[in-house]
C-alpha cells in the first residue's frame, strides 16, 4: 500500500501514522523557522510577532492537512459538519464567538499588541492576542493612577462584540488630564490660579513638540478628531468648601502619573511660599445673622 492510497481507503492505521508524521513535520518546520528568525532578528517585538504568525500558519496548514487525511478532501468535511452543525452551534457557541472575535481582532484591528485599552471595567496594556482570548497587563485596581498592578488578565475575544472598548493609544497617543486644587474662600484665588498656571507651563508637555503635532495630524487622517486648543489652561469654580482651580493639560498615555507628581510638587512648594493662599478641606460653617450674645450666669452663694 503506497502513501496515495492512505488518503482514500479506510485504513485507520495508515491515517494515524500520517497524522503523527504531519504533526511532527509541522513542529520541526515551526522550530526551524523560529530558530532562523532568532538568529537574524535581534528586536524582541519582531520575534514575538513572527512567532505568533508562524503559529497561525502552522495551525492552518495542520487543519487542512488533517482534513485531507481523515476526510479525503473538503467535501467529506462539509458533509460531516452539516450533520453536526446544530449540536456544534449549541455546545460550542462561546468557542465560535471567541474565534469570530479573533478574526475581527486580526482583520479590523480595534487594538494591537502594545496598545493600552479598557474593556468591561478592566484597563491595561495588551501583551498577547490568541485565537480564543487576549491578555492585558492590568493597571489601576488597587494601584493609584494608571500604573501596572503586575497581574495578567485574560479576556475572551467574544467580549469585543458585546462590551464597550476604549483604546487609549489608537489614532492619538495622548489624553487630556486635569489637576484640581481647592483653596479657601479667604485665599487670594487669583494668586492660586497664577501658581497653577506656572506649574502647568513648567511641567506639562510642550504642545509645540513635533511628535504631538504629527500625532494630531495623523489622527485627523484616520478619524474626525480636531483639537484646536492644545495649550494648558485653568478653570475656576466656587464650591461648598472653597474655590477650585482646575488645570487641564495634554499628556502622554503612560506619563500621566509622573507629570501629575511634578505638578503637585511645584504647586505645594509655591503655596507654602505664598502667605495669601491656603489649601481648603471640607468644612461646615454656621452663620448667625443677628450675632451671638454670650451671657455669664453666676451661681448664687448659699449660706
Protein backbone atom coordinates (compact mmCIF):
# COMPACT_ATOMS: atom_id res chain seq x y z
CA UNK A 1 0.00 0.00 0.00
CA UNK A 2 1.52 3.36 -1.04
CA UNK A 3 1.06 6.78 0.56
CA UNK A 4 -1.51 7.89 -2.02
CA UNK A 5 -3.85 5.05 -1.11
CA UNK A 6 -3.84 6.05 2.56
CA UNK A 7 -5.79 9.21 1.67
CA UNK A 8 -8.71 7.33 0.12
CA UNK A 9 -9.12 3.94 1.80
CA UNK A 10 -10.35 3.19 5.28
CA UNK A 11 -7.02 2.14 6.73
CA UNK A 12 -7.20 3.68 10.20
CA UNK A 13 -3.58 2.78 10.99
CA UNK A 14 -2.32 4.50 7.87
CA UNK A 15 -4.24 7.65 8.66
CA UNK A 16 -2.98 7.66 12.23
CA UNK A 17 0.62 7.30 11.01
CA UNK A 18 0.15 10.15 8.55
CA UNK A 19 -1.35 12.29 11.32
CA UNK A 20 1.69 11.75 13.53
CA UNK A 21 4.04 12.44 10.61
CA UNK A 22 2.17 15.65 9.73
CA UNK A 23 2.18 16.97 13.29
CA UNK A 24 5.86 16.13 13.72
CA UNK A 25 6.77 17.79 10.44
CA UNK A 26 4.88 20.94 11.41
CA UNK A 27 6.63 21.13 14.79
CA UNK A 28 10.01 20.73 13.09
CA UNK A 29 9.11 23.37 10.50
CA UNK A 30 8.00 25.80 13.21
CA UNK A 31 11.20 25.20 15.21
CA UNK A 32 13.41 25.77 12.15
CA UNK A 33 11.65 28.99 11.18
CA UNK A 34 11.77 30.44 14.70
CA UNK A 35 15.40 29.47 15.11
CA UNK A 36 16.26 31.25 11.86
CA UNK A 37 14.35 34.34 12.95
CA UNK A 38 16.05 34.45 16.37
CA UNK A 39 19.48 34.21 14.75
CA UNK A 40 18.81 37.06 12.32
CA UNK A 41 16.45 39.38 14.19
CA UNK A 42 17.51 40.96 17.47
CA UNK A 43 14.42 43.01 18.19
CA UNK A 44 12.19 41.27 20.75
CA UNK A 45 8.91 42.68 19.41
CA UNK A 46 9.70 41.46 15.87
CA UNK A 47 10.49 37.99 17.20
CA UNK A 48 7.24 37.96 19.14
CA UNK A 49 5.12 38.94 16.11
CA UNK A 50 6.91 36.40 13.91
CA UNK A 51 6.27 33.67 16.47
CA UNK A 52 2.56 34.49 16.50
CA UNK A 53 2.20 34.46 12.71
CA UNK A 54 4.22 31.26 12.34
CA UNK A 55 1.84 29.68 14.84
CA UNK A 56 -1.16 30.83 12.79
CA UNK A 57 0.28 29.49 9.53
CA UNK A 58 1.21 26.12 11.07
CA UNK A 59 -2.30 25.80 12.54
CA UNK A 60 -3.95 26.45 9.17
CA UNK A 61 -1.65 24.01 7.37
CA UNK A 62 -2.25 21.38 10.02
CA UNK A 63 -6.01 21.84 9.83
CA UNK A 64 -6.22 21.36 6.08
CA UNK A 65 -3.70 18.51 6.25
CA UNK A 66 -5.84 16.65 8.79
CA UNK A 67 -8.94 17.32 6.70
CA UNK A 68 -7.21 15.75 3.72
CA UNK A 69 -6.07 12.70 5.72
CA UNK A 70 -9.27 11.92 7.61
CA UNK A 71 -11.98 13.18 5.28
CA UNK A 72 -10.39 12.80 1.86
CA UNK A 73 -10.91 16.47 0.99
CA UNK A 74 -13.23 19.35 1.82
CA UNK A 75 -16.32 17.54 0.52
CA UNK A 76 -16.24 14.93 3.26
CA UNK A 77 -15.64 17.62 5.85
CA UNK A 78 -18.65 19.59 4.63
CA UNK A 79 -20.91 16.57 4.95
CA UNK A 80 -19.63 15.79 8.41
CA UNK A 81 -20.03 19.36 9.62
CA UNK A 82 -23.51 19.53 8.10
CA UNK A 83 -24.64 16.60 10.23
CA UNK A 84 -23.18 18.00 13.44
CA UNK A 85 -23.77 21.72 12.81
CA UNK A 86 -26.78 22.04 15.13
CA UNK A 87 -25.01 20.36 18.05
CA UNK A 88 -21.81 22.31 17.48
CA UNK A 89 -23.68 25.61 17.33
CA UNK A 90 -25.21 24.96 20.76
CA UNK A 91 -22.33 23.24 22.54
CA UNK A 92 -19.56 25.44 21.16
CA UNK A 93 -21.37 28.78 20.94
CA UNK A 94 -18.87 30.61 23.15
CA UNK A 95 -15.91 28.96 21.40
CA UNK A 96 -17.19 30.03 17.98
CA UNK A 97 -17.88 33.52 19.30
CA UNK A 98 -14.31 33.78 20.54
CA UNK A 99 -12.97 32.56 17.19
CA UNK A 100 -15.10 35.15 15.40
CA UNK A 101 -13.74 37.75 17.81
CA UNK A 102 -10.19 36.68 16.95
CA UNK A 103 -10.91 37.08 13.22
CA UNK A 104 -12.31 40.54 13.97
CA UNK A 105 -9.23 41.47 16.01
CA UNK A 106 -6.72 40.46 13.33
CA UNK A 107 -8.69 41.96 10.42
CA UNK A 108 -10.28 45.15 11.75
CA UNK A 109 -7.57 45.82 14.37
CA UNK A 110 -9.52 47.72 17.08
CA UNK A 111 -6.30 47.33 19.07
CA UNK A 112 -2.88 45.76 18.68
CA UNK A 113 -0.25 44.30 20.97
CA UNK A 114 1.20 47.22 22.92
CA UNK A 115 -1.97 49.33 22.94
CA UNK A 116 -3.50 50.47 26.22
CA UNK A 117 -7.19 49.63 26.35
CA UNK A 118 -10.14 49.43 28.73
CA UNK A 119 -12.95 46.86 28.39
CA UNK A 120 -15.61 45.76 30.86
CA UNK A 121 -14.05 47.83 33.66
CA UNK A 122 -10.57 46.36 33.07
CA UNK A 123 -7.72 48.54 31.85
CA UNK A 124 -4.19 47.64 30.83
CA UNK A 125 -1.64 47.14 28.08
CA UNK A 126 -2.32 44.41 25.52
CA UNK A 127 0.53 41.88 25.65
CA UNK A 128 -0.88 38.96 23.65
CA UNK A 129 -3.69 38.09 21.23
CA UNK A 130 -4.64 34.45 20.68
CA UNK A 131 -7.40 32.52 18.94
CA UNK A 132 -9.71 32.42 21.97
CA UNK A 133 -8.60 35.27 24.21
CA UNK A 134 -6.31 38.26 24.52
CA UNK A 135 -4.23 39.22 27.55
CA UNK A 136 -3.67 42.60 29.15
CA UNK A 137 -1.18 43.71 31.79
CA UNK A 138 -3.54 45.29 34.31
CA UNK A 139 -3.33 48.88 35.53
CA UNK A 140 -5.24 50.70 38.30
CA UNK A 141 -7.31 48.42 40.58
CA UNK A 142 -5.56 48.80 43.99
CA UNK A 143 -2.73 50.86 42.41
CA UNK A 144 -3.31 54.59 42.22
CA UNK A 145 -3.28 56.32 38.82
CA UNK A 146 -2.53 54.48 35.58
CA UNK A 147 0.28 52.21 36.72
CA UNK A 148 0.65 48.45 36.46
CA UNK A 149 -0.52 46.03 39.14
CA UNK A 150 1.64 43.26 37.69
CA UNK A 151 -1.33 40.97 37.02
CA UNK A 152 -2.13 39.43 33.64
CA UNK A 153 -5.85 39.44 32.84
CA UNK A 154 -7.13 37.11 30.11
CA UNK A 155 -10.25 38.34 28.29
CA UNK A 156 -12.30 36.16 25.89
CA UNK A 157 -12.23 37.53 22.35
CA UNK A 158 -16.02 37.48 22.15
CA UNK A 159 -16.17 40.40 24.57
CA UNK A 160 -15.26 42.79 21.75
CA UNK A 161 -18.75 42.23 20.28
CA UNK A 162 -20.77 42.87 23.42
CA UNK A 163 -18.72 45.29 25.56
CA UNK A 164 -17.63 48.85 25.04
CA UNK A 165 -13.93 49.04 24.19
CA UNK A 166 -11.77 52.09 24.85
CA UNK A 167 -8.37 52.42 23.19
CA UNK A 168 -6.03 54.96 24.80
CA UNK A 169 -3.37 54.88 22.10
CA UNK A 170 -5.15 54.28 18.77
CA UNK A 171 -5.05 57.27 16.49
CA UNK A 172 -3.81 59.74 19.11
CA UNK A 173 -1.42 58.51 21.86
CA UNK A 174 -2.20 61.41 24.22
CA UNK A 175 -5.02 62.05 26.67
CA UNK A 176 -6.39 65.07 28.46
CA UNK A 177 -5.84 65.16 32.20
CA UNK A 178 -6.83 67.63 34.90
CA UNK A 179 -5.45 68.55 38.30
CA UNK A 180 -7.90 70.19 40.73
CA UNK A 181 -6.65 72.37 43.61
CA UNK A 182 -9.08 73.80 46.18
CA UNK A 183 -8.20 76.91 48.20
CA UNK A 184 -10.15 78.59 50.99
CA UNK A 185 -12.60 81.42 50.33
CA UNK A 186 -10.30 83.73 52.27
CA UNK A 187 -7.36 82.95 49.97
CA UNK A 188 -6.30 85.05 47.01
CA UNK A 189 -7.66 82.69 44.33
CA UNK A 190 -6.09 84.79 41.56
CA UNK A 191 -2.66 84.17 43.05
CA UNK A 192 -3.52 80.48 43.34
CA UNK A 193 -4.52 80.41 39.68
CA UNK A 194 -1.23 82.03 38.68
CA UNK A 195 0.66 79.35 40.64
CA UNK A 196 -1.24 76.53 38.94
CA UNK A 197 -0.73 78.10 35.51
CA UNK A 198 3.00 78.50 36.15
CA UNK A 199 3.27 74.84 37.20
CA UNK A 200 1.50 73.78 34.01
CA UNK A 201 3.82 75.91 31.90
CA UNK A 202 6.89 74.35 33.56
CA UNK A 203 5.89 70.68 33.78
CA UNK A 204 3.07 69.92 31.33
CA UNK A 205 4.21 68.50 27.95
CA UNK A 206 5.11 71.05 25.29
CA UNK A 207 2.21 71.14 22.82
CA UNK A 208 4.52 72.54 20.14
CA UNK A 209 6.51 69.31 20.21
CA UNK A 210 6.69 67.92 16.64
CA UNK A 211 5.72 64.48 17.97
CA UNK A 212 2.44 65.81 19.37
CA UNK A 213 1.70 67.92 16.29
CA UNK A 214 2.41 64.97 14.00
CA UNK A 215 0.22 62.65 16.09
CA UNK A 216 -2.68 65.09 15.88
CA UNK A 217 -2.27 65.38 12.12
CA UNK A 218 -2.19 61.61 11.74
CA UNK A 219 -5.28 61.21 13.94
CA UNK A 220 -7.11 63.70 11.74
CA UNK A 221 -6.41 61.49 8.72
CA UNK A 222 -7.88 58.38 10.38
CA UNK A 223 -10.73 59.82 12.44
CA UNK A 224 -12.72 63.02 12.72
CA UNK A 225 -10.54 64.36 15.53
CA UNK A 226 -10.00 68.11 15.65
CA UNK A 227 -8.17 69.75 18.55
CA UNK A 228 -7.79 73.49 18.14
CA UNK A 229 -6.52 74.45 21.58
CA UNK A 230 -3.74 72.27 22.95
CA UNK A 231 -2.03 74.63 25.38
CA UNK A 232 -2.62 74.03 29.13
CA UNK A 233 -5.39 76.12 30.61
CA UNK A 234 -7.03 76.78 34.00
CA UNK A 235 -10.66 76.95 35.12
CA UNK A 236 -12.11 78.44 38.32
CA UNK A 237 -15.16 77.15 40.18
CA UNK A 238 -16.68 78.03 43.57
CA UNK A 239 -17.70 75.00 45.61
CA UNK A 240 -19.08 74.29 49.07
CA UNK A 241 -15.73 74.30 50.88
CA UNK A 242 -13.69 76.73 48.78
CA UNK A 243 -12.60 77.79 45.31
CA UNK A 244 -11.32 75.07 42.96
CA UNK A 245 -8.70 75.87 40.31
CA UNK A 246 -8.55 73.12 37.71
CA UNK A 247 -5.57 72.82 35.40
CA UNK A 248 -6.22 70.99 32.13
CA UNK A 249 -3.31 69.71 30.05
CA UNK A 250 -2.36 67.18 27.39
CA UNK A 251 -0.17 64.28 28.46
CA UNK A 252 1.19 61.04 27.06
CA UNK A 253 -0.84 57.94 27.91
CA UNK A 254 1.91 56.41 30.04
CA UNK A 255 3.18 59.68 31.57
CA UNK A 256 0.09 60.71 33.47
CA UNK A 257 1.28 59.90 36.97
CA UNK A 258 4.80 61.29 36.62
CA UNK A 259 3.51 64.59 35.20
CA UNK A 260 0.85 64.83 37.92
CA UNK A 261 3.51 64.21 40.56
CA UNK A 262 5.71 67.00 39.18
CA UNK A 263 2.75 69.41 39.07
CA UNK A 264 1.69 68.74 42.65
CA UNK A 265 5.23 69.16 43.97
CA UNK A 266 5.57 72.52 42.24
CA UNK A 267 2.12 73.71 43.38
CA UNK A 268 2.59 72.68 47.02
CA UNK A 269 6.00 74.34 47.18
CA UNK A 270 4.61 77.56 45.70
CA UNK A 271 1.59 77.57 48.06
CA UNK A 272 3.90 77.15 51.06
CA UNK A 273 5.79 80.29 49.98
CA UNK A 274 2.59 82.31 49.34
CA UNK A 275 1.02 83.61 52.60
CA UNK A 276 -2.22 84.68 50.91
CA UNK A 277 -3.10 81.16 49.71
CA UNK A 278 -4.22 78.24 51.86
CA UNK A 279 -5.43 74.83 50.78
CA UNK A 280 -9.06 74.11 51.65
CA UNK A 281 -10.65 70.98 53.07
CA UNK A 282 -14.28 70.00 53.69
CA UNK A 283 -15.69 72.30 56.38
CA UNK A 284 -19.06 73.22 57.92
CA UNK A 285 -19.89 76.79 58.80
CA UNK A 286 -22.71 78.17 60.94
CA UNK A 287 -23.80 81.76 60.31
CA UNK A 288 -25.82 83.78 62.84
CA UNK A 289 -27.21 86.88 61.08
CA UNK A 290 -28.08 88.67 64.37
CA UNK A 291 -24.83 87.90 66.08
CA UNK A 292 -24.19 85.82 69.16
CA UNK A 293 -24.76 87.03 72.71
CA UNK A 294 -22.70 85.35 75.39
CA UNK A 295 -24.08 85.58 78.89
CA UNK A 296 -22.35 84.55 82.05
CA UNK A 297 -24.53 83.01 84.72
CA UNK A 298 -23.14 83.15 88.21
CA UNK A 299 -24.34 80.71 90.79
CA UNK A 300 -25.73 82.35 93.97
CA UNK A 301 -23.80 81.56 97.06
CA UNK A 302 -25.73 79.76 99.73
CA UNK A 303 -25.08 80.33 103.40
